[in-house]
């Protein structure tokens, strides 16, 4: 599975893969694997990404096309 929304979020925020990888404390190649679907994204990374981009995990993984953050 390719996580197009993850790439879109990164690009919409004018970030490089290296910058996002630094936020997650991982290597750029690992993060690239997340975007391409070559690596499974750990739940702690999904939570961190959803919080960072103020969106839902469902949006990141393509379960919804609505990027609005979840209602609390």
N, C-alpha and C. Protein backbone atom coordinates (compact mmCIF):
# COMPACT_ATOMS: atom_id res chain seq x y z
N UNK A 1 0.84 -1.17 0.00
CA UNK A 1 0.00 0.00 0.00
C UNK A 1 0.89 1.25 0.00
N UNK A 2 0.60 2.14 -0.90
CA UNK A 2 1.33 3.41 -0.98
C UNK A 2 0.53 4.46 -0.23
N UNK A 3 1.20 5.21 0.64
CA UNK A 3 0.53 6.21 1.45
C UNK A 3 0.66 7.58 0.80
N UNK A 4 -0.16 7.81 -0.25
CA UNK A 4 -0.11 9.06 -0.99
C UNK A 4 -0.43 10.26 -0.10
N UNK A 5 -1.38 10.10 0.83
CA UNK A 5 -1.72 11.22 1.70
C UNK A 5 -0.52 11.63 2.56
N UNK A 6 0.28 10.68 2.96
CA UNK A 6 1.46 11.00 3.76
C UNK A 6 2.42 11.86 2.96
N UNK A 7 2.62 11.49 1.72
CA UNK A 7 3.49 12.30 0.84
C UNK A 7 2.87 13.67 0.60
N UNK A 8 1.57 13.71 0.35
CA UNK A 8 0.89 14.99 0.11
C UNK A 8 1.02 15.92 1.31
N UNK A 9 0.83 15.38 2.50
CA UNK A 9 0.97 16.20 3.71
C UNK A 9 2.37 16.78 3.82
N UNK A 10 3.35 15.95 3.57
CA UNK A 10 4.75 16.40 3.66
C UNK A 10 5.01 17.51 2.64
N UNK A 11 4.59 17.27 1.40
CA UNK A 11 4.84 18.25 0.35
C UNK A 11 4.03 19.54 0.58
N UNK A 12 2.80 19.42 1.06
CA UNK A 12 1.98 20.60 1.33
C UNK A 12 2.59 21.48 2.41
N UNK A 13 3.40 20.87 3.27
CA UNK A 13 4.07 21.61 4.34
C UNK A 13 5.52 21.96 3.99
N UNK A 14 5.85 21.77 2.71
CA UNK A 14 7.20 22.11 2.20
C UNK A 14 8.32 21.48 3.01
N UNK A 15 8.12 20.19 3.32
CA UNK A 15 9.12 19.45 4.07
C UNK A 15 9.76 18.39 3.19
N UNK A 16 11.00 18.08 3.48
CA UNK A 16 11.68 16.98 2.80
C UNK A 16 11.48 15.70 3.61
N UNK A 17 11.75 14.59 2.99
CA UNK A 17 11.70 13.32 3.72
C UNK A 17 12.70 13.34 4.87
N UNK A 18 13.83 13.94 4.66
CA UNK A 18 14.85 14.01 5.70
C UNK A 18 14.34 14.80 6.90
N UNK A 19 13.65 15.90 6.66
CA UNK A 19 13.13 16.70 7.77
C UNK A 19 12.09 15.93 8.58
N UNK A 20 11.20 15.23 7.90
CA UNK A 20 10.18 14.45 8.62
C UNK A 20 10.84 13.29 9.35
N UNK A 21 11.81 12.67 8.73
CA UNK A 21 12.54 11.58 9.39
C UNK A 21 13.20 12.07 10.68
N UNK A 22 13.75 13.28 10.65
CA UNK A 22 14.37 13.83 11.85
C UNK A 22 13.34 14.04 12.95
N UNK A 23 12.15 14.49 12.59
CA UNK A 23 11.08 14.68 13.57
C UNK A 23 10.74 13.35 14.25
N UNK A 24 10.75 12.27 13.45
CA UNK A 24 10.41 10.94 13.96
C UNK A 24 11.61 10.21 14.56
N UNK A 25 12.80 10.79 14.44
CA UNK A 25 14.04 10.18 14.94
C UNK A 25 14.32 8.85 14.25
N UNK A 26 14.16 8.87 12.91
CA UNK A 26 14.45 7.70 12.10
C UNK A 26 15.31 8.13 10.91
N UNK A 27 15.79 7.16 10.13
CA UNK A 27 16.56 7.45 8.93
C UNK A 27 15.64 7.86 7.79
N UNK A 28 16.15 8.67 6.89
CA UNK A 28 15.37 9.10 5.73
C UNK A 28 14.92 7.90 4.90
N UNK A 29 15.76 6.90 4.78
CA UNK A 29 15.39 5.73 3.98
C UNK A 29 14.22 4.97 4.59
N UNK A 30 14.16 4.96 5.91
CA UNK A 30 13.02 4.32 6.59
C UNK A 30 11.76 5.10 6.30
N UNK A 31 11.83 6.43 6.43
CA UNK A 31 10.66 7.26 6.15
C UNK A 31 10.21 7.11 4.70
N UNK A 32 11.16 7.07 3.79
CA UNK A 32 10.82 6.87 2.37
C UNK A 32 10.05 5.57 2.20
N UNK A 33 10.45 4.56 2.94
CA UNK A 33 9.75 3.28 2.90
C UNK A 33 8.33 3.38 3.42
N UNK A 34 8.09 4.27 4.37
CA UNK A 34 6.73 4.49 4.85
C UNK A 34 5.87 5.06 3.73
N UNK A 35 6.38 6.08 3.05
CA UNK A 35 5.61 6.71 1.97
C UNK A 35 5.34 5.74 0.82
N UNK A 36 6.30 4.91 0.51
CA UNK A 36 6.16 4.01 -0.63
C UNK A 36 5.41 2.73 -0.28
N UNK A 37 5.24 2.47 1.00
CA UNK A 37 4.57 1.25 1.43
C UNK A 37 5.52 0.08 1.58
N UNK A 38 6.81 0.32 1.42
CA UNK A 38 7.80 -0.75 1.57
C UNK A 38 7.99 -1.15 3.03
N UNK A 39 7.73 -0.20 3.95
CA UNK A 39 7.85 -0.46 5.39
C UNK A 39 6.52 -0.17 6.06
N UNK A 40 6.15 -1.00 7.01
CA UNK A 40 4.96 -0.72 7.83
C UNK A 40 5.28 0.44 8.76
N UNK A 41 4.29 1.29 8.94
CA UNK A 41 4.48 2.44 9.82
C UNK A 41 4.07 2.04 11.23
N UNK A 42 4.99 2.10 12.20
CA UNK A 42 4.63 1.76 13.58
C UNK A 42 3.57 2.72 14.11
N UNK A 43 2.74 2.24 15.01
CA UNK A 43 1.64 3.04 15.53
C UNK A 43 2.15 4.31 16.19
N UNK A 44 3.28 4.26 16.89
CA UNK A 44 3.78 5.48 17.52
C UNK A 44 4.17 6.53 16.49
N UNK A 45 4.67 6.09 15.33
CA UNK A 45 4.99 7.03 14.25
C UNK A 45 3.72 7.58 13.62
N UNK A 46 2.70 6.74 13.47
CA UNK A 46 1.42 7.21 12.93
C UNK A 46 0.81 8.28 13.84
N UNK A 47 0.85 8.04 15.13
CA UNK A 47 0.32 9.01 16.09
C UNK A 47 1.10 10.32 16.01
N UNK A 48 2.42 10.22 15.97
CA UNK A 48 3.26 11.42 15.89
C UNK A 48 2.98 12.19 14.61
N UNK A 49 2.82 11.49 13.49
CA UNK A 49 2.55 12.15 12.22
C UNK A 49 1.17 12.81 12.22
N UNK A 50 0.18 12.11 12.74
CA UNK A 50 -1.17 12.68 12.80
C UNK A 50 -1.18 13.92 13.68
N UNK A 51 -0.50 13.87 14.80
CA UNK A 51 -0.41 15.04 15.68
C UNK A 51 0.34 16.18 15.00
N UNK A 52 1.45 15.86 14.37
CA UNK A 52 2.27 16.88 13.72
C UNK A 52 1.50 17.59 12.61
N UNK A 53 0.78 16.83 11.79
CA UNK A 53 0.03 17.41 10.67
C UNK A 53 -1.39 17.81 11.05
N UNK A 54 -1.78 17.58 12.29
CA UNK A 54 -3.13 17.91 12.77
C UNK A 54 -4.19 17.26 11.88
N UNK A 55 -4.06 15.97 11.72
CA UNK A 55 -5.00 15.18 10.92
C UNK A 55 -5.25 13.86 11.63
N UNK A 56 -5.97 12.98 10.97
CA UNK A 56 -6.26 11.67 11.57
C UNK A 56 -5.35 10.59 10.99
N UNK A 57 -5.19 9.54 11.75
CA UNK A 57 -4.46 8.38 11.24
C UNK A 57 -5.21 7.81 10.04
N UNK A 58 -6.53 7.81 10.09
CA UNK A 58 -7.32 7.29 8.97
C UNK A 58 -6.99 8.04 7.68
N UNK A 59 -6.78 9.35 7.76
CA UNK A 59 -6.42 10.11 6.57
C UNK A 59 -5.03 9.70 6.07
N UNK A 60 -4.10 9.58 6.97
CA UNK A 60 -2.73 9.22 6.58
C UNK A 60 -2.70 7.89 5.84
N UNK A 61 -3.45 6.91 6.33
CA UNK A 61 -3.39 5.58 5.73
C UNK A 61 -4.40 5.38 4.61
N UNK A 62 -5.16 6.43 4.28
CA UNK A 62 -6.05 6.35 3.12
C UNK A 62 -7.43 5.79 3.39
N UNK A 63 -7.83 5.70 4.65
CA UNK A 63 -9.16 5.19 4.97
C UNK A 63 -10.24 6.24 4.80
N UNK A 64 -9.81 7.51 4.68
CA UNK A 64 -10.72 8.62 4.42
C UNK A 64 -9.97 9.65 3.58
N UNK A 65 -10.72 10.44 2.86
CA UNK A 65 -10.11 11.53 2.08
C UNK A 65 -10.30 12.87 2.77
N UNK A 66 -10.83 12.84 3.99
CA UNK A 66 -11.07 14.06 4.76
C UNK A 66 -9.87 14.29 5.69
N UNK A 67 -9.09 15.34 5.42
CA UNK A 67 -7.92 15.57 6.26
C UNK A 67 -8.21 16.27 7.58
N UNK A 68 -9.47 16.60 7.83
CA UNK A 68 -9.81 17.28 9.09
C UNK A 68 -9.42 16.43 10.28
N UNK A 69 -8.94 17.08 11.33
CA UNK A 69 -8.56 16.31 12.52
C UNK A 69 -9.80 15.69 13.16
N UNK A 70 -9.61 14.61 13.88
CA UNK A 70 -10.76 13.96 14.54
C UNK A 70 -11.36 14.88 15.59
N UNK A 71 -12.67 14.77 15.75
CA UNK A 71 -13.36 15.57 16.77
C UNK A 71 -13.09 14.96 18.13
N UNK A 72 -12.92 15.82 19.11
CA UNK A 72 -12.64 15.33 20.47
C UNK A 72 -13.85 15.50 21.34
